[in-house]
């Protein structure tokens, strides 16, 4: 796999690159309307951008709900040519690290059912029946963010 960098899209240009990936994947490929894809929630969100050799290949939107206790991962998009290069995994890992650092105790997302296994491999579990969102079958998933404590060794006195 080529060198990949995941960073927060902070400038207008970086956000435009992230939005272009979403437009390519969700609007052009999957047929989601532009109005549904760009739903007015982007201004209050954090956006991650994946680059390989400096070229944008993936993006993700991260919002904090319930007073920051829940991190909502949304709009995970990877360009077709980079889909087998673990770009999505790298984006998710970065989002989970940012969520933990911000104090969130849980991450949630709505996974397209066709990629539910991808999220399950990253520790997410389904929580409820499937539903239609933007014309596509989805399932709600969640994952605890608290670090698990390692088991304590029991030392017996002699």
N, C-alpha and C. Protein backbone atom coordinates (compact mmCIF):
# COMPACT_ATOMS: atom_id res chain seq x y z
N UNK A 1 0.85 -1.18 0.00
CA UNK A 1 0.00 0.00 0.00
C UNK A 1 0.89 1.24 0.00
N UNK A 2 0.50 2.23 -0.75
CA UNK A 2 1.24 3.48 -0.84
C UNK A 2 1.08 4.27 0.45
N UNK A 3 2.02 5.18 0.70
CA UNK A 3 1.97 6.00 1.90
C UNK A 3 0.67 6.80 1.94
N UNK A 4 -0.01 6.71 3.09
CA UNK A 4 -1.29 7.38 3.25
C UNK A 4 -1.21 8.28 4.48
N UNK A 5 -1.86 9.44 4.35
CA UNK A 5 -1.93 10.39 5.46
C UNK A 5 -3.40 10.71 5.70
N UNK A 6 -3.82 10.62 6.97
CA UNK A 6 -5.17 10.99 7.36
C UNK A 6 -5.06 12.25 8.20
N UNK A 7 -5.75 13.30 7.80
CA UNK A 7 -5.70 14.54 8.57
C UNK A 7 -7.07 15.18 8.60
N UNK A 8 -7.23 16.11 9.52
CA UNK A 8 -8.48 16.84 9.59
C UNK A 8 -8.49 17.90 8.49
N UNK A 9 -9.60 17.97 7.77
CA UNK A 9 -9.75 18.97 6.71
C UNK A 9 -10.13 20.28 7.37
N UNK A 10 -9.18 21.19 7.47
CA UNK A 10 -9.40 22.44 8.20
C UNK A 10 -9.63 23.63 7.27
N UNK A 11 -8.97 23.65 6.14
CA UNK A 11 -9.11 24.80 5.24
C UNK A 11 -10.30 24.59 4.31
N UNK A 12 -10.72 25.69 3.68
CA UNK A 12 -11.81 25.59 2.70
C UNK A 12 -11.44 24.64 1.57
N UNK A 13 -10.18 24.69 1.13
CA UNK A 13 -9.72 23.82 0.04
C UNK A 13 -9.77 22.35 0.46
N UNK A 14 -9.32 22.05 1.67
CA UNK A 14 -9.35 20.66 2.14
C UNK A 14 -10.78 20.15 2.29
N UNK A 15 -11.66 20.99 2.82
CA UNK A 15 -13.07 20.59 2.93
C UNK A 15 -13.68 20.39 1.53
N UNK A 16 -13.31 21.23 0.58
CA UNK A 16 -13.80 21.07 -0.79
C UNK A 16 -13.34 19.73 -1.38
N UNK A 17 -12.11 19.31 -1.06
CA UNK A 17 -11.62 18.01 -1.52
C UNK A 17 -12.43 16.88 -0.91
N UNK A 18 -12.72 16.98 0.39
CA UNK A 18 -13.53 15.96 1.07
C UNK A 18 -14.94 15.90 0.46
N UNK A 19 -15.51 17.07 0.21
CA UNK A 19 -16.86 17.13 -0.36
C UNK A 19 -16.88 16.58 -1.79
N UNK A 20 -15.80 16.80 -2.54
CA UNK A 20 -15.72 16.27 -3.91
C UNK A 20 -15.72 14.74 -3.90
N UNK A 21 -15.06 14.14 -2.91
CA UNK A 21 -15.06 12.68 -2.79
C UNK A 21 -16.47 12.19 -2.47
N UNK A 22 -17.13 12.86 -1.54
CA UNK A 22 -18.51 12.48 -1.21
C UNK A 22 -19.43 12.61 -2.42
N UNK A 23 -19.28 13.68 -3.18
CA UNK A 23 -20.10 13.89 -4.37
C UNK A 23 -19.85 12.76 -5.37
N UNK A 24 -18.59 12.40 -5.56
CA UNK A 24 -18.23 11.33 -6.49
C UNK A 24 -18.82 9.99 -6.06
N UNK A 25 -18.67 9.65 -4.79
CA UNK A 25 -19.10 8.34 -4.29
C UNK A 25 -20.62 8.26 -4.10
N UNK A 26 -21.17 9.21 -3.36
CA UNK A 26 -22.58 9.10 -3.00
C UNK A 26 -23.53 9.64 -4.08
N UNK A 27 -23.21 10.78 -4.67
CA UNK A 27 -24.11 11.38 -5.65
C UNK A 27 -23.94 10.70 -7.01
N UNK A 28 -22.71 10.68 -7.54
CA UNK A 28 -22.50 10.12 -8.87
C UNK A 28 -22.62 8.60 -8.91
N UNK A 29 -21.95 7.89 -8.00
CA UNK A 29 -21.96 6.42 -8.04
C UNK A 29 -23.25 5.82 -7.50
N UNK A 30 -23.71 6.31 -6.34
CA UNK A 30 -24.83 5.67 -5.66
C UNK A 30 -26.18 6.34 -5.94
N UNK A 31 -26.16 7.46 -6.62
CA UNK A 31 -27.41 8.11 -7.01
C UNK A 31 -28.16 8.83 -5.91
N UNK A 32 -27.47 9.18 -4.83
CA UNK A 32 -28.10 9.94 -3.75
C UNK A 32 -28.18 11.40 -4.20
N UNK A 33 -29.29 12.04 -3.93
CA UNK A 33 -29.43 13.43 -4.37
C UNK A 33 -28.44 14.32 -3.61
N UNK A 34 -28.00 15.35 -4.30
CA UNK A 34 -27.07 16.31 -3.70
C UNK A 34 -27.68 16.93 -2.44
N UNK A 35 -28.98 17.20 -2.45
CA UNK A 35 -29.66 17.82 -1.30
C UNK A 35 -29.63 16.90 -0.08
N UNK A 36 -29.74 15.59 -0.29
CA UNK A 36 -29.67 14.66 0.84
C UNK A 36 -28.24 14.50 1.33
N UNK A 37 -27.31 14.44 0.40
CA UNK A 37 -25.90 14.26 0.78
C UNK A 37 -25.38 15.46 1.55
N UNK A 38 -25.69 16.64 1.09
CA UNK A 38 -25.21 17.86 1.74
C UNK A 38 -26.39 18.45 2.50
N UNK A 39 -26.58 17.91 3.70
CA UNK A 39 -27.79 18.06 4.50
C UNK A 39 -27.79 19.23 5.48
N UNK A 40 -26.82 20.11 5.37
CA UNK A 40 -26.77 21.27 6.25
C UNK A 40 -26.04 21.02 7.56
N UNK A 41 -25.49 19.83 7.77
CA UNK A 41 -24.81 19.52 9.02
C UNK A 41 -23.29 19.60 8.92
N UNK A 42 -22.78 19.90 7.75
CA UNK A 42 -21.33 19.91 7.56
C UNK A 42 -20.62 21.02 8.33
N UNK A 43 -21.25 22.17 8.46
CA UNK A 43 -20.58 23.31 9.12
C UNK A 43 -20.26 23.00 10.58
N UNK A 44 -21.09 22.21 11.25
CA UNK A 44 -20.87 21.90 12.66
C UNK A 44 -20.13 20.60 12.89
N UNK A 45 -19.53 20.06 11.85
CA UNK A 45 -18.85 18.76 11.94
C UNK A 45 -17.35 18.91 11.72
N UNK A 46 -16.63 17.86 12.09
CA UNK A 46 -15.22 17.75 11.76
C UNK A 46 -15.14 16.80 10.56
N UNK A 47 -14.21 17.09 9.65
CA UNK A 47 -14.08 16.29 8.43
C UNK A 47 -12.66 15.76 8.34
N UNK A 48 -12.55 14.48 8.03
CA UNK A 48 -11.24 13.87 7.83
C UNK A 48 -11.02 13.64 6.35
N UNK A 49 -9.78 13.76 5.95
CA UNK A 49 -9.39 13.59 4.55
C UNK A 49 -8.22 12.62 4.48
N UNK A 50 -8.36 11.59 3.65
CA UNK A 50 -7.28 10.62 3.44
C UNK A 50 -6.60 10.98 2.13
N UNK A 51 -5.27 11.03 2.17
CA UNK A 51 -4.48 11.30 0.96
C UNK A 51 -3.46 10.20 0.78
N UNK A 52 -3.30 9.80 -0.46
CA UNK A 52 -2.26 8.83 -0.82
C UNK A 52 -1.39 9.52 -1.85
N UNK A 53 -0.10 9.65 -1.56
CA UNK A 53 0.83 10.39 -2.42
C UNK A 53 0.30 11.79 -2.69
N UNK A 54 -0.32 12.41 -1.69
CA UNK A 54 -0.82 13.76 -1.81
C UNK A 54 -2.17 13.90 -2.48
N UNK A 55 -2.69 12.82 -3.06
CA UNK A 55 -3.98 12.87 -3.76
C UNK A 55 -5.11 12.46 -2.82
N UNK A 56 -6.20 13.21 -2.76
CA UNK A 56 -7.31 12.84 -1.89
C UNK A 56 -8.00 11.56 -2.38
N UNK A 57 -8.16 10.59 -1.46
CA UNK A 57 -8.77 9.31 -1.84
C UNK A 57 -9.95 8.92 -0.95
N UNK A 58 -10.12 9.59 0.19
CA UNK A 58 -11.21 9.23 1.08
C UNK A 58 -11.55 10.36 2.04
N UNK A 59 -12.77 10.30 2.57
CA UNK A 59 -13.19 11.32 3.53
C UNK A 59 -14.21 10.74 4.50
N UNK A 60 -14.44 11.47 5.56
CA UNK A 60 -15.36 11.05 6.62
C UNK A 60 -15.82 12.28 7.37
N UNK A 61 -17.07 12.25 7.84
CA UNK A 61 -17.61 13.34 8.65
C UNK A 61 -17.80 12.82 10.06
N UNK A 62 -17.43 13.64 11.05
CA UNK A 62 -17.53 13.28 12.46
C UNK A 62 -18.27 14.38 13.19
N UNK A 63 -19.38 13.99 13.83
CA UNK A 63 -20.15 14.95 14.65
C UNK A 63 -20.24 14.42 16.06
N UNK A 64 -20.38 15.33 17.00
CA UNK A 64 -20.52 14.96 18.41
C UNK A 64 -21.93 15.29 18.87
N UNK A 65 -22.59 14.30 19.47
CA UNK A 65 -23.97 14.42 19.93
C UNK A 65 -24.03 14.21 21.45
N UNK A 66 -25.17 14.49 22.02
CA UNK A 66 -25.42 14.26 23.45
C UNK A 66 -24.33 14.88 24.31
N UNK A 67 -24.09 16.16 24.08
CA UNK A 67 -23.10 16.87 24.88
C UNK A 67 -21.68 16.37 24.69
N UNK A 68 -21.39 15.75 23.54
CA UNK A 68 -20.05 15.25 23.26
C UNK A 68 -19.83 13.81 23.70
N UNK A 69 -20.82 13.19 24.33
CA UNK A 69 -20.65 11.82 24.81
C UNK A 69 -20.71 10.79 23.69
N UNK A 70 -21.34 11.15 22.57
CA UNK A 70 -21.48 10.22 21.44
C UNK A 70 -20.85 10.85 20.20
N UNK A 71 -19.99 10.08 19.56
CA UNK A 71 -19.39 10.49 18.29
C UNK A 71 -20.16 9.81 17.17
N UNK A 72 -20.68 10.59 16.26
CA UNK A 72 -21.44 10.04 15.12
C UNK A 72 -20.55 10.10 13.89
N UNK A 73 -20.22 8.93 13.37
CA UNK A 73 -19.39 8.82 12.18
C UNK A 73 -20.32 8.73 10.98
N UNK A 74 -20.08 9.59 10.01
CA UNK A 74 -20.97 9.69 8.86
C UNK A 74 -20.17 9.90 7.58
N UNK A 75 -20.84 9.66 6.47
CA UNK A 75 -20.34 10.02 5.15
C UNK A 75 -18.95 9.46 4.88
N UNK A 76 -18.72 8.20 5.26
CA UNK A 76 -17.44 7.55 4.98
C UNK A 76 -17.42 7.24 3.49
N UNK A 77 -16.49 7.86 2.77
CA UNK A 77 -16.43 7.72 1.32
C UNK A 77 -15.00 7.48 0.88
N UNK A 78 -14.82 6.48 0.04
CA UNK A 78 -13.50 6.16 -0.51
C UNK A 78 -13.64 6.02 -2.02
N UNK A 79 -12.76 6.68 -2.73
CA UNK A 79 -12.77 6.59 -4.20
C UNK A 79 -12.58 5.14 -4.64
N UNK A 80 -13.22 4.78 -5.73
CA UNK A 80 -13.24 3.39 -6.21
C UNK A 80 -11.85 2.80 -6.34
N UNK A 81 -10.91 3.54 -6.86
CA UNK A 81 -9.56 3.01 -7.10
C UNK A 81 -8.80 2.71 -5.81
N UNK A 82 -9.27 3.22 -4.67
CA UNK A 82 -8.56 3.04 -3.39
C UNK A 82 -9.31 2.14 -2.43
N UNK A 83 -10.38 1.50 -2.86
CA UNK A 83 -11.26 0.77 -1.93
C UNK A 83 -10.64 -0.48 -1.33
N UNK A 84 -9.67 -1.04 -1.87
CA UNK A 84 -9.05 -2.24 -1.28
C UNK A 84 -7.73 -1.91 -0.57
N UNK A 85 -7.48 -0.64 -0.34
CA UNK A 85 -6.21 -0.20 0.24
C UNK A 85 -6.29 0.19 1.71
N UNK A 86 -7.36 -0.21 2.40
CA UNK A 86 -7.56 0.05 3.83
C UNK A 86 -7.71 1.54 4.16
N UNK A 87 -8.15 2.31 3.19
CA UNK A 87 -8.38 3.74 3.40
C UNK A 87 -9.53 3.93 4.39
N UNK A 88 -10.61 3.19 4.20
CA UNK A 88 -11.74 3.29 5.11
C UNK A 88 -11.36 2.93 6.53
N UNK A 89 -10.58 1.89 6.70
CA UNK A 89 -10.13 1.49 8.03
C UNK A 89 -9.28 2.59 8.66
N UNK A 90 -8.37 3.16 7.90
CA UNK A 90 -7.52 4.23 8.43
C UNK A 90 -8.36 5.46 8.84
N UNK A 91 -9.35 5.80 8.03
CA UNK A 91 -10.24 6.91 8.37
C UNK A 91 -10.99 6.64 9.67
N UNK A 92 -11.53 5.41 9.79
CA UNK A 92 -12.29 5.05 11.00
C UNK A 92 -11.40 5.06 12.23
N UNK A 93 -10.20 4.52 12.12
CA UNK A 93 -9.30 4.49 13.27
C UNK A 93 -8.95 5.91 13.73
N UNK A 94 -8.73 6.80 12.77
CA UNK A 94 -8.43 8.20 13.12
C UNK A 94 -9.65 8.85 13.78
N UNK A 95 -10.84 8.61 13.23
CA UNK A 95 -12.06 9.18 13.81
C UNK A 95 -12.28 8.67 15.23
N UNK A 96 -12.06 7.38 15.46
CA UNK A 96 -12.23 6.82 16.80
C UNK A 96 -11.22 7.42 17.78
N UNK A 97 -10.00 7.63 17.33
CA UNK A 97 -8.98 8.25 18.19
C UNK A 97 -9.37 9.69 18.53
N UNK A 98 -9.86 10.44 17.55
CA UNK A 98 -10.31 11.81 17.80
C UNK A 98 -11.49 11.83 18.76
N UNK A 99 -12.41 10.89 18.59
CA UNK A 99 -13.58 10.82 19.46
C UNK A 99 -13.17 10.52 20.90
N UNK A 100 -12.26 9.56 21.08
CA UNK A 100 -11.76 9.24 22.42
C UNK A 100 -11.09 10.47 23.04
N UNK A 101 -10.24 11.12 22.26
CA UNK A 101 -9.52 12.29 22.77
C UNK A 101 -10.47 13.42 23.16
N UNK A 102 -11.62 13.50 22.49
CA UNK A 102 -12.61 14.53 22.80
C UNK A 102 -13.50 14.13 23.97
N UNK A 103 -13.34 12.91 24.48
CA UNK A 103 -14.10 12.48 25.64
C UNK A 103 -15.37 11.71 25.35
N UNK A 104 -15.60 11.34 24.10
CA UNK A 104 -16.80 10.55 23.78
C UNK A 104 -16.63 9.13 24.32
N UNK A 105 -17.71 8.57 24.81
CA UNK A 105 -17.68 7.22 25.34
C UNK A 105 -18.21 6.18 24.37
N UNK A 106 -18.82 6.64 23.29
CA UNK A 106 -19.42 5.73 22.33
C UNK A 106 -19.36 6.33 20.93
N UNK A 107 -19.19 5.47 19.93
CA UNK A 107 -19.27 5.88 18.54
C UNK A 107 -20.48 5.19 17.92
N UNK A 108 -21.19 5.93 17.08
CA UNK A 108 -22.36 5.39 16.37
C UNK A 108 -22.23 5.70 14.89
N UNK A 109 -22.90 4.90 14.09
CA UNK A 109 -22.95 5.15 12.66
C UNK A 109 -24.13 4.41 12.07
N UNK A 110 -24.51 4.80 10.87
CA UNK A 110 -25.49 4.09 10.07
C UNK A 110 -24.73 3.47 8.91
N UNK A 111 -24.61 2.15 8.92
CA UNK A 111 -23.84 1.45 7.89
C UNK A 111 -24.75 0.98 6.78
N UNK A 112 -24.34 1.18 5.54
CA UNK A 112 -25.04 0.53 4.45
C UNK A 112 -24.89 -0.98 4.69
N UNK A 113 -25.97 -1.71 4.55
CA UNK A 113 -25.94 -3.14 4.88
C UNK A 113 -24.90 -3.91 4.08
N UNK A 114 -24.57 -3.45 2.88
CA UNK A 114 -23.57 -4.14 2.07
C UNK A 114 -22.17 -4.06 2.67
N UNK A 115 -21.93 -3.11 3.57
CA UNK A 115 -20.61 -2.98 4.20
C UNK A 115 -20.67 -3.13 5.72
N UNK A 116 -21.73 -3.74 6.21
CA UNK A 116 -21.88 -3.95 7.65
C UNK A 116 -20.71 -4.77 8.21
N UNK A 117 -20.25 -5.77 7.47
CA UNK A 117 -19.13 -6.60 7.92
C UNK A 117 -17.85 -5.80 8.12
N UNK A 118 -17.62 -4.82 7.28
CA UNK A 118 -16.45 -3.95 7.43
C UNK A 118 -16.45 -3.28 8.80
N UNK A 119 -17.59 -2.70 9.17
CA UNK A 119 -17.69 -2.02 10.46
C UNK A 119 -17.65 -3.01 11.62
N UNK A 120 -18.21 -4.20 11.43
CA UNK A 120 -18.17 -5.23 12.48
C UNK A 120 -16.72 -5.63 12.76
N UNK A 121 -15.91 -5.73 11.72
CA UNK A 121 -14.49 -6.07 11.93
C UNK A 121 -13.75 -5.00 12.72
N UNK A 122 -14.29 -3.78 12.75
CA UNK A 122 -13.68 -2.69 13.50
C UNK A 122 -14.33 -2.51 14.87
N UNK A 123 -15.12 -3.49 15.30
CA UNK A 123 -15.67 -3.49 16.64
C UNK A 123 -17.08 -2.94 16.79
N UNK A 124 -17.74 -2.58 15.71
CA UNK A 124 -19.10 -2.07 15.77
C UNK A 124 -20.08 -3.23 15.77
N UNK A 125 -21.18 -3.07 16.52
CA UNK A 125 -22.23 -4.07 16.53
C UNK A 125 -23.55 -3.42 16.12
N UNK A 126 -24.36 -4.20 15.42
CA UNK A 126 -25.67 -3.71 14.99
C UNK A 126 -26.56 -3.52 16.21
N UNK A 127 -27.40 -2.50 16.16
CA UNK A 127 -28.31 -2.22 17.28
C UNK A 127 -29.67 -1.83 16.73
N UNK A 128 -30.40 -2.83 16.25
CA UNK A 128 -31.72 -2.57 15.74
C UNK A 128 -31.91 -3.14 14.35
N UNK A 129 -33.13 -3.06 13.86
CA UNK A 129 -33.42 -3.61 12.53
C UNK A 129 -32.88 -2.70 11.43
N UNK A 130 -32.78 -3.25 10.24
CA UNK A 130 -32.33 -2.44 9.10
C UNK A 130 -33.44 -1.46 8.71
N UNK A 131 -33.04 -0.40 8.00
CA UNK A 131 -33.97 0.66 7.61
C UNK A 131 -33.45 1.31 6.33
N UNK A 132 -34.33 2.01 5.65
CA UNK A 132 -33.96 2.71 4.43
C UNK A 132 -33.56 4.14 4.79
N UNK A 133 -32.37 4.53 4.33
CA UNK A 133 -31.90 5.91 4.50
C UNK A 133 -31.37 6.36 3.15
N UNK A 134 -31.85 7.46 2.67
CA UNK A 134 -31.43 7.98 1.37
C UNK A 134 -31.61 6.94 0.25
N UNK A 135 -32.64 6.09 0.40
CA UNK A 135 -32.95 5.10 -0.61
C UNK A 135 -32.10 3.85 -0.56
N UNK A 136 -31.26 3.70 0.48
CA UNK A 136 -30.34 2.56 0.59
C UNK A 136 -30.57 1.88 1.94
N UNK A 137 -30.53 0.54 1.96
CA UNK A 137 -30.72 -0.22 3.20
C UNK A 137 -29.52 -0.02 4.12
N UNK A 138 -29.81 0.39 5.36
CA UNK A 138 -28.79 0.65 6.38
C UNK A 138 -29.11 -0.10 7.67
N UNK A 139 -28.13 -0.14 8.56
CA UNK A 139 -28.33 -0.65 9.91
C UNK A 139 -27.57 0.27 10.86
N UNK A 140 -28.19 0.58 12.01
CA UNK A 140 -27.50 1.38 13.03
C UNK A 140 -26.49 0.48 13.74
N UNK A 141 -25.31 1.04 13.99
CA UNK A 141 -24.25 0.29 14.68
C UNK A 141 -23.62 1.19 15.72
N UNK A 142 -23.05 0.56 16.74
CA UNK A 142 -22.37 1.32 17.79
C UNK A 142 -21.15 0.55 18.30
N UNK A 143 -20.30 1.31 18.96
CA UNK A 143 -19.08 0.74 19.54
C UNK A 143 -18.69 1.58 20.75
N UNK A 144 -18.38 0.91 21.85
CA UNK A 144 -17.89 1.61 23.03
C UNK A 144 -16.48 2.11 22.75
N UNK A 145 -16.14 3.27 23.31
CA UNK A 145 -14.82 3.85 23.08
C UNK A 145 -13.91 3.76 24.28
N UNK A 146 -14.46 3.45 25.43
CA UNK A 146 -13.64 3.37 26.63
C UNK A 146 -12.60 2.27 26.45
N UNK A 147 -11.41 2.59 26.85
CA UNK A 147 -10.35 1.59 26.80
C UNK A 147 -10.66 0.50 27.81
N UNK A 148 -10.53 -0.72 27.38
CA UNK A 148 -10.76 -1.83 28.30
C UNK A 148 -9.52 -2.01 29.17
N UNK A 149 -9.77 -2.29 30.43
CA UNK A 149 -8.65 -2.52 31.36
C UNK A 149 -8.11 -3.92 31.13
N UNK A 150 -6.82 -4.03 31.20
CA UNK A 150 -6.21 -5.34 31.11
C UNK A 150 -6.49 -6.10 32.40
N UNK A 151 -6.68 -7.41 32.31
CA UNK A 151 -6.95 -8.17 33.53
C UNK A 151 -5.78 -8.06 34.49
N UNK A 152 -6.11 -7.92 35.73
CA UNK A 152 -5.07 -7.81 36.78
C UNK A 152 -4.54 -9.20 37.09
N UNK A 153 -3.25 -9.28 37.22
CA UNK A 153 -2.65 -10.55 37.62
C UNK A 153 -2.88 -10.74 39.11
N UNK A 154 -3.18 -11.93 39.47
CA UNK A 154 -3.36 -12.22 40.89
C UNK A 154 -2.06 -12.80 41.38
N UNK A 155 -1.46 -12.12 42.33
CA UNK A 155 -0.20 -12.59 42.90
C UNK A 155 -0.50 -13.05 44.31
N UNK A 156 -0.15 -14.30 44.58
CA UNK A 156 -0.39 -14.83 45.92
C UNK A 156 0.87 -14.63 46.75
N UNK A 157 0.63 -14.20 47.98
CA UNK A 157 1.76 -14.05 48.90
C UNK A 157 2.26 -15.43 49.30
N UNK A 158 3.53 -15.55 49.51
CA UNK A 158 4.11 -16.82 49.94
C UNK A 158 4.41 -16.79 51.40
